[in-house]
Amino acid sequence: MLVTGATGRIGRAVVDQLTDAGVPVRALVRRSEAAVTLPPDVEIVNGDLTVPESLGAALQAVSTVFLVWTAPPQTAAAVVDLLAAHAQRVVYLSAPHRTPHPFFRQPNPMAALHAEIERLIAATGLDSTIVRPGMFASNALFWWSAAIRGDGVVRWPYGAAETAPVDDRDVAAVIARTLREGGHAGGDYVLTGPESLTQAEQIRIVGDALGSPLTFEEMPPDEFRRETPEASRPAADMLLAAWNAATGRPAYVTSTVSDLLGRPARTFRQWVTDHATLFTGNPAPMN
């Protein structure tokens, strides 16, 4: 079984889930040094999605591929053709761009790329499963930890916008299950957390978990855009549009995680509690 994006946020957790279940894993990495944290029984193969001809060794004798697209779009068609020539199944990490909720219906270049890769996969006839996580719970760490380590005042736009953060571990568990089990060909799984929370509520939950109340202050969208590095402006514009569109209505919530795993989806509070030290400057490995 080949896992791409094996050292990333979701791919790394998928590797752990599979190896814990005794599934042989081959990990595709661009640089060997990036693989030092992977379990010792994982087979490491170098390859680059931007150089399709580099993938030959990774795809040899592989029947199932977990595809995380982390490259520009130019080589997507060639890579998907190679997958179809070697593998029988692909599980693709996409996004909920088809979901009928305004949060997911805003113009988004990444959604367009996901849609195109899904089209390419479908055209090959590969058995495929599409996994579509919504907002990740771990975004709270990337977005708010600097302010939390500072004065505890979190300035953020659209505090009233509601999302349903999904625990990264639940996403990885769903992916690992679809990879190692049959019966998921044609599956199209939208994954969310179990509850709709405003961004201001999420910040309050983080403060509760840390035992140190945080102060939320509404930030004007234009100020948020100005403070975003230029290279990240398209992503910031996408988020601002999505939060604006979602304000005033509950987040889209699915039961897919619990349906597939046979247990309740983890709450945002559970994710924050389990990773509280990452917010305070005493990092521990994310798991």
Protein backbone atom coordinates (compact mmCIF):
# COMPACT_ATOMS: atom_id res chain seq x y z
CA MET A 1 0.00 0.00 0.00
CA LEU A 2 1.44 3.37 -1.04
CA VAL A 3 0.90 6.50 1.03
CA THR A 4 1.74 9.86 -0.55
CA GLY A 5 2.08 12.94 1.63
CA ALA A 6 3.35 10.49 4.26
CA THR A 7 5.08 13.12 6.41
CA GLY A 8 2.22 15.62 6.32
CA ARG A 9 -0.51 16.41 8.80
CA ILE A 10 -2.90 13.65 7.66
CA GLY A 11 -0.56 11.30 5.78
CA ARG A 12 1.65 10.81 8.83
CA ALA A 13 -1.34 9.86 10.97
CA VAL A 14 -2.60 7.49 8.26
CA VAL A 15 0.78 5.74 8.25
CA ASP A 16 0.52 5.23 12.01
CA GLN A 17 -3.04 3.90 11.75
CA LEU A 18 -2.07 1.41 9.05
CA THR A 19 1.12 0.17 10.71
CA ASP A 20 -0.70 -0.22 14.04
CA ALA A 21 -3.17 -2.45 12.19
CA GLY A 22 -0.32 -4.54 10.76
CA VAL A 23 -0.72 -3.28 7.19
CA PRO A 24 2.53 -3.08 5.16
CA VAL A 25 3.09 0.53 4.12
CA ARG A 26 5.28 2.12 1.48
CA ALA A 27 5.74 5.87 1.97
CA LEU A 28 6.49 8.27 -0.87
CA VAL A 29 8.79 11.10 0.21
CA ARG A 30 10.55 13.81 -1.75
CA ARG A 31 13.55 13.88 0.58
CA SER A 32 14.83 10.95 2.59
CA GLU A 33 15.61 13.14 5.60
CA ALA A 34 11.91 14.01 5.91
CA ALA A 35 11.13 10.36 6.63
CA VAL A 36 13.22 10.00 9.80
CA THR A 37 10.13 10.21 12.03
CA LEU A 38 8.23 7.47 10.21
CA PRO A 39 7.94 4.05 11.88
CA PRO A 40 10.96 1.82 11.22
CA ASP A 41 8.93 -0.87 9.45
CA VAL A 42 7.68 1.55 6.77
CA GLU A 43 9.32 1.18 3.35
CA ILE A 44 10.62 4.58 2.24
CA VAL A 45 10.68 5.37 -1.48
CA ASN A 46 11.79 8.67 -2.97
CA GLY A 47 9.63 10.30 -5.60
CA ASP A 48 8.13 13.61 -6.61
CA LEU A 49 4.60 14.27 -7.89
CA THR A 50 6.01 17.05 -10.07
CA VAL A 51 8.27 14.49 -11.79
CA PRO A 52 5.95 11.61 -12.75
CA GLU A 53 8.80 9.49 -14.11
CA SER A 54 10.28 9.41 -10.59
CA LEU A 55 7.32 7.38 -9.29
CA GLY A 56 8.13 4.04 -10.93
CA ALA A 57 9.74 2.40 -7.89
CA ALA A 58 7.00 3.66 -5.57
CA LEU A 59 4.24 2.15 -7.71
CA GLN A 60 5.83 -1.21 -8.37
CA ALA A 61 3.62 -4.07 -7.06
CA VAL A 62 1.19 -1.62 -5.40
CA SER A 63 -2.54 -2.28 -5.47
CA THR A 64 -3.85 0.61 -3.34
CA VAL A 65 -2.74 4.25 -3.16
CA PHE A 66 -3.60 7.04 -0.75
CA LEU A 67 -3.22 10.20 -2.80
CA VAL A 68 -2.60 13.59 -1.20
CA TRP A 69 -2.00 16.20 -3.88
CA THR A 70 0.65 18.63 -2.65
CA ALA A 71 2.02 19.78 -6.01
CA PRO A 72 1.10 22.27 -8.73
CA PRO A 73 -1.57 20.98 -11.13
CA GLN A 74 0.54 20.58 -14.26
CA THR A 75 1.52 16.94 -13.67
CA ALA A 76 -1.76 15.71 -12.20
CA ALA A 77 -2.96 13.99 -15.38
CA ALA A 78 0.32 12.14 -15.86
CA VAL A 79 0.41 11.02 -12.23
CA VAL A 80 -3.18 9.76 -12.28
CA ASP A 81 -2.46 7.84 -15.49
CA LEU A 82 0.50 6.18 -13.75
CA LEU A 83 -1.67 5.23 -10.78
CA ALA A 84 -4.19 3.66 -13.13
CA ALA A 85 -1.45 1.71 -14.89
CA HIS A 86 -0.16 0.15 -11.65
CA ALA A 87 -2.87 0.19 -8.96
CA GLN A 88 -6.45 -0.99 -8.66
CA ARG A 89 -7.69 1.41 -5.98
CA VAL A 90 -7.08 5.01 -4.97
CA VAL A 91 -8.29 6.90 -1.91
CA TYR A 92 -8.06 10.63 -2.58
CA LEU A 93 -7.94 13.36 0.06
CA SER A 94 -10.16 16.09 -1.37
CA ALA A 95 -12.42 18.81 0.04
CA PRO A 96 -16.21 19.28 0.43
CA HIS A 97 -16.48 21.49 -2.66
CA ARG A 98 -19.73 19.78 -3.73
CA THR A 99 -21.40 20.29 -0.35
CA PRO A 100 -24.55 22.47 -0.53
CA HIS A 101 -23.53 24.90 2.20
CA PRO A 102 -22.33 28.46 1.56
CA PHE A 103 -19.11 27.92 3.52
CA PHE A 104 -17.96 25.43 0.88
CA ARG A 105 -19.41 27.16 -2.19
CA GLN A 106 -17.13 30.20 -2.37
CA PRO A 107 -14.62 30.59 -5.23
CA ASN A 108 -11.58 28.52 -4.29
CA PRO A 109 -8.64 27.59 -6.56
CA MET A 110 -7.88 24.51 -4.46
CA ALA A 111 -11.45 23.28 -4.85
CA ALA A 112 -11.11 23.62 -8.61
CA LEU A 113 -7.90 21.56 -8.50
CA HIS A 114 -9.56 18.88 -6.37
CA ALA A 115 -12.48 18.70 -8.81
CA GLU A 116 -10.12 18.26 -11.74
CA ILE A 117 -8.14 15.47 -10.05
CA GLU A 118 -11.39 13.73 -9.16
CA ARG A 119 -12.42 13.98 -12.83
CA LEU A 120 -9.09 12.52 -13.92
CA ILE A 121 -9.41 9.63 -11.48
CA ALA A 122 -12.96 8.87 -12.61
CA ALA A 123 -11.92 8.90 -16.27
CA THR A 124 -9.36 6.12 -15.66
CA GLY A 125 -11.91 3.69 -14.29
CA LEU A 126 -9.92 3.18 -11.09
CA ASP A 127 -11.88 2.07 -8.04
CA SER A 128 -11.85 5.26 -6.00
CA THR A 129 -12.92 6.61 -2.66
CA ILE A 130 -13.08 10.37 -2.11
CA VAL A 131 -12.59 11.67 1.43
CA ARG A 132 -13.65 15.28 2.04
CA PRO A 133 -12.76 16.68 5.46
CA GLY A 134 -14.14 20.08 6.37
CA MET A 135 -12.33 22.46 8.70
CA PHE A 136 -9.58 20.71 10.66
CA ALA A 137 -9.55 21.11 14.44
CA SER A 138 -5.77 21.58 14.26
CA ASN A 139 -6.23 24.86 12.38
CA ALA A 140 -6.85 26.39 15.80
CA LEU A 141 -3.22 25.73 16.67
CA PHE A 142 -1.85 27.30 13.50
CA TRP A 143 -4.16 30.30 13.68
CA TRP A 144 -4.28 31.22 17.37
CA SER A 145 -1.31 29.79 19.25
CA ALA A 146 0.90 32.85 18.71
CA ALA A 147 -1.69 35.14 20.31
CA ILE A 148 -2.28 32.65 23.11
CA ARG A 149 1.43 32.53 23.89
CA GLY A 150 1.44 36.32 23.83
CA ASP A 151 -1.11 38.38 25.72
CA GLY A 152 -4.05 35.96 25.44
CA VAL A 153 -6.01 38.32 23.21
CA VAL A 154 -7.10 36.61 20.00
CA ARG A 155 -8.06 39.09 17.29
CA TRP A 156 -9.83 37.29 14.45
CA PRO A 157 -12.41 38.10 11.77
CA TYR A 158 -15.96 36.77 11.65
CA GLY A 159 -16.14 35.50 15.21
CA ALA A 160 -19.82 34.60 14.66
CA ALA A 161 -19.08 32.33 11.69
CA GLU A 162 -19.84 28.70 12.54
CA THR A 163 -17.78 25.68 11.52
CA ALA A 164 -17.72 22.05 12.64
CA PRO A 165 -14.02 21.29 13.21
CA VAL A 166 -13.11 17.66 12.59
CA ASP A 167 -10.38 15.97 14.62
CA ASP A 168 -7.41 15.16 12.39
CA ARG A 169 -7.17 11.74 14.05
CA ASP A 170 -10.72 10.91 12.97
CA VAL A 171 -9.91 11.89 9.39
CA ALA A 172 -6.86 9.63 9.44
CA ALA A 173 -8.87 6.77 10.98
CA VAL A 174 -11.52 7.00 8.26
CA ILE A 175 -8.85 7.04 5.53
CA ALA A 176 -7.00 4.08 7.04
CA ARG A 177 -10.23 2.10 7.24
CA THR A 178 -11.13 2.79 3.62
CA LEU A 179 -7.61 1.77 2.59
CA ARG A 180 -7.50 -1.54 4.41
CA GLU A 181 -11.13 -2.61 3.99
CA GLY A 182 -13.13 -3.54 0.93
CA GLY A 183 -16.53 -2.08 0.18
CA HIS A 184 -15.54 1.56 -0.15
CA ALA A 185 -15.22 1.81 -3.95
CA GLY A 186 -17.34 4.72 -5.07
CA GLY A 187 -17.49 6.12 -1.54
CA ASP A 188 -17.77 9.90 -1.25
CA TYR A 189 -17.32 10.82 2.40
CA VAL A 190 -17.74 14.33 3.82
CA LEU A 191 -16.16 14.44 7.29
CA THR A 192 -16.98 17.03 9.94
CA GLY A 193 -16.88 17.28 13.68
CA PRO A 194 -20.06 16.53 15.63
CA GLU A 195 -21.05 20.10 16.51
CA SER A 196 -21.42 23.55 15.00
CA LEU A 197 -19.37 26.17 16.85
CA THR A 198 -18.73 29.83 16.21
CA GLN A 199 -15.09 30.81 15.96
CA ALA A 200 -15.50 32.85 19.14
CA GLU A 201 -16.83 29.74 20.92
CA GLN A 202 -13.86 27.73 19.69
CA ILE A 203 -11.47 30.30 21.14
CA ARG A 204 -13.36 30.14 24.45
CA ILE A 205 -13.04 26.34 24.45
CA VAL A 206 -9.29 26.63 23.92
CA GLY A 207 -9.06 28.96 26.91
CA ASP A 208 -11.14 26.57 29.03
CA ALA A 209 -8.86 23.66 28.14
CA LEU A 210 -5.78 25.70 29.01
CA GLY A 211 -7.28 26.90 32.29
CA SER A 212 -6.60 30.46 31.21
CA PRO A 213 -9.52 32.44 29.77
CA LEU A 214 -8.80 34.07 26.43
CA THR A 215 -10.14 37.37 25.16
CA PHE A 216 -11.67 37.41 21.69
CA GLU A 217 -11.67 40.65 19.72
CA GLU A 218 -13.34 41.02 16.34
CA MET A 219 -10.82 41.91 13.62
CA PRO A 220 -12.00 43.77 10.50
CA PRO A 221 -11.60 41.58 7.39
CA ASP A 222 -9.50 44.20 5.63
CA GLU A 223 -7.04 44.26 8.53
CA PHE A 224 -6.81 40.45 8.44
CA ARG A 225 -6.07 40.61 4.72
CA ARG A 226 -3.38 43.29 5.19
CA GLU A 227 -1.65 41.29 7.92
CA THR A 228 -1.56 38.12 5.83
CA PRO A 229 1.73 37.53 3.95
CA GLU A 230 1.30 38.21 0.26
CA ALA A 231 1.95 34.60 -0.71
CA SER A 232 -0.99 33.52 1.46
CA ARG A 233 -3.44 36.22 0.33
CA PRO A 234 -5.46 33.89 -1.99
CA ALA A 235 -6.06 31.51 0.91
CA ALA A 236 -6.97 34.42 3.17
CA ASP A 237 -9.45 35.77 0.63
CA MET A 238 -11.02 32.32 0.31
CA LEU A 239 -11.39 31.99 4.09
CA LEU A 240 -12.82 35.47 4.48
CA ALA A 241 -15.41 34.79 1.80
CA ALA A 242 -16.30 31.44 3.37
CA TRP A 243 -16.63 32.84 6.91
CA ASN A 244 -18.70 35.75 5.64
CA ALA A 245 -21.03 33.41 3.77
CA ALA A 246 -21.37 31.11 6.78
CA THR A 247 -22.20 33.84 9.29
CA GLY A 248 -25.74 33.55 10.59
CA ARG A 249 -26.31 29.88 9.89
CA PRO A 250 -25.19 26.61 11.51
CA ALA A 251 -22.24 24.73 10.05
CA TYR A 252 -22.76 21.70 7.86
CA VAL A 253 -22.50 18.63 10.13
CA THR A 254 -22.35 14.98 9.04
CA SER A 255 -22.42 11.71 10.96
CA THR A 256 -19.96 10.08 8.54
CA VAL A 257 -17.12 9.69 11.04
CA SER A 258 -19.28 7.85 13.56
CA ASP A 259 -21.03 5.86 10.82
CA LEU A 260 -17.74 4.56 9.42
CA LEU A 261 -15.81 4.11 12.67
CA GLY A 262 -18.64 2.80 14.84
CA ARG A 263 -17.97 5.32 17.61
CA PRO A 264 -18.74 8.99 18.25
CA ALA A 265 -16.64 11.56 16.41
CA ARG A 266 -14.27 13.41 18.69
CA THR A 267 -15.36 16.89 19.69
CA PHE A 268 -13.32 20.05 19.20
CA ARG A 269 -12.91 20.21 22.99
CA GLN A 270 -11.38 16.71 22.96
CA TRP A 271 -8.86 17.71 20.30
CA VAL A 272 -7.86 20.87 22.18
CA THR A 273 -7.60 19.07 25.54
CA ASP A 274 -5.40 16.35 24.04
CA HIS A 275 -3.11 18.93 22.41
CA ALA A 276 -3.18 21.69 25.01
CA THR A 277 0.60 21.78 25.48
CA LEU A 278 1.05 22.72 21.81
CA PHE A 279 -0.72 26.02 22.50
CA THR A 280 1.47 26.96 25.44
CA GLY A 281 4.94 26.65 23.97
CA ASN A 282 5.65 23.19 25.37
CA PRO A 283 5.12 21.18 22.19
CA ALA A 284 4.42 17.48 22.19
CA PRO A 285 4.03 15.33 19.09
CA MET A 286 0.60 15.56 17.46
CA ASN A 287 -1.09 12.16 17.37
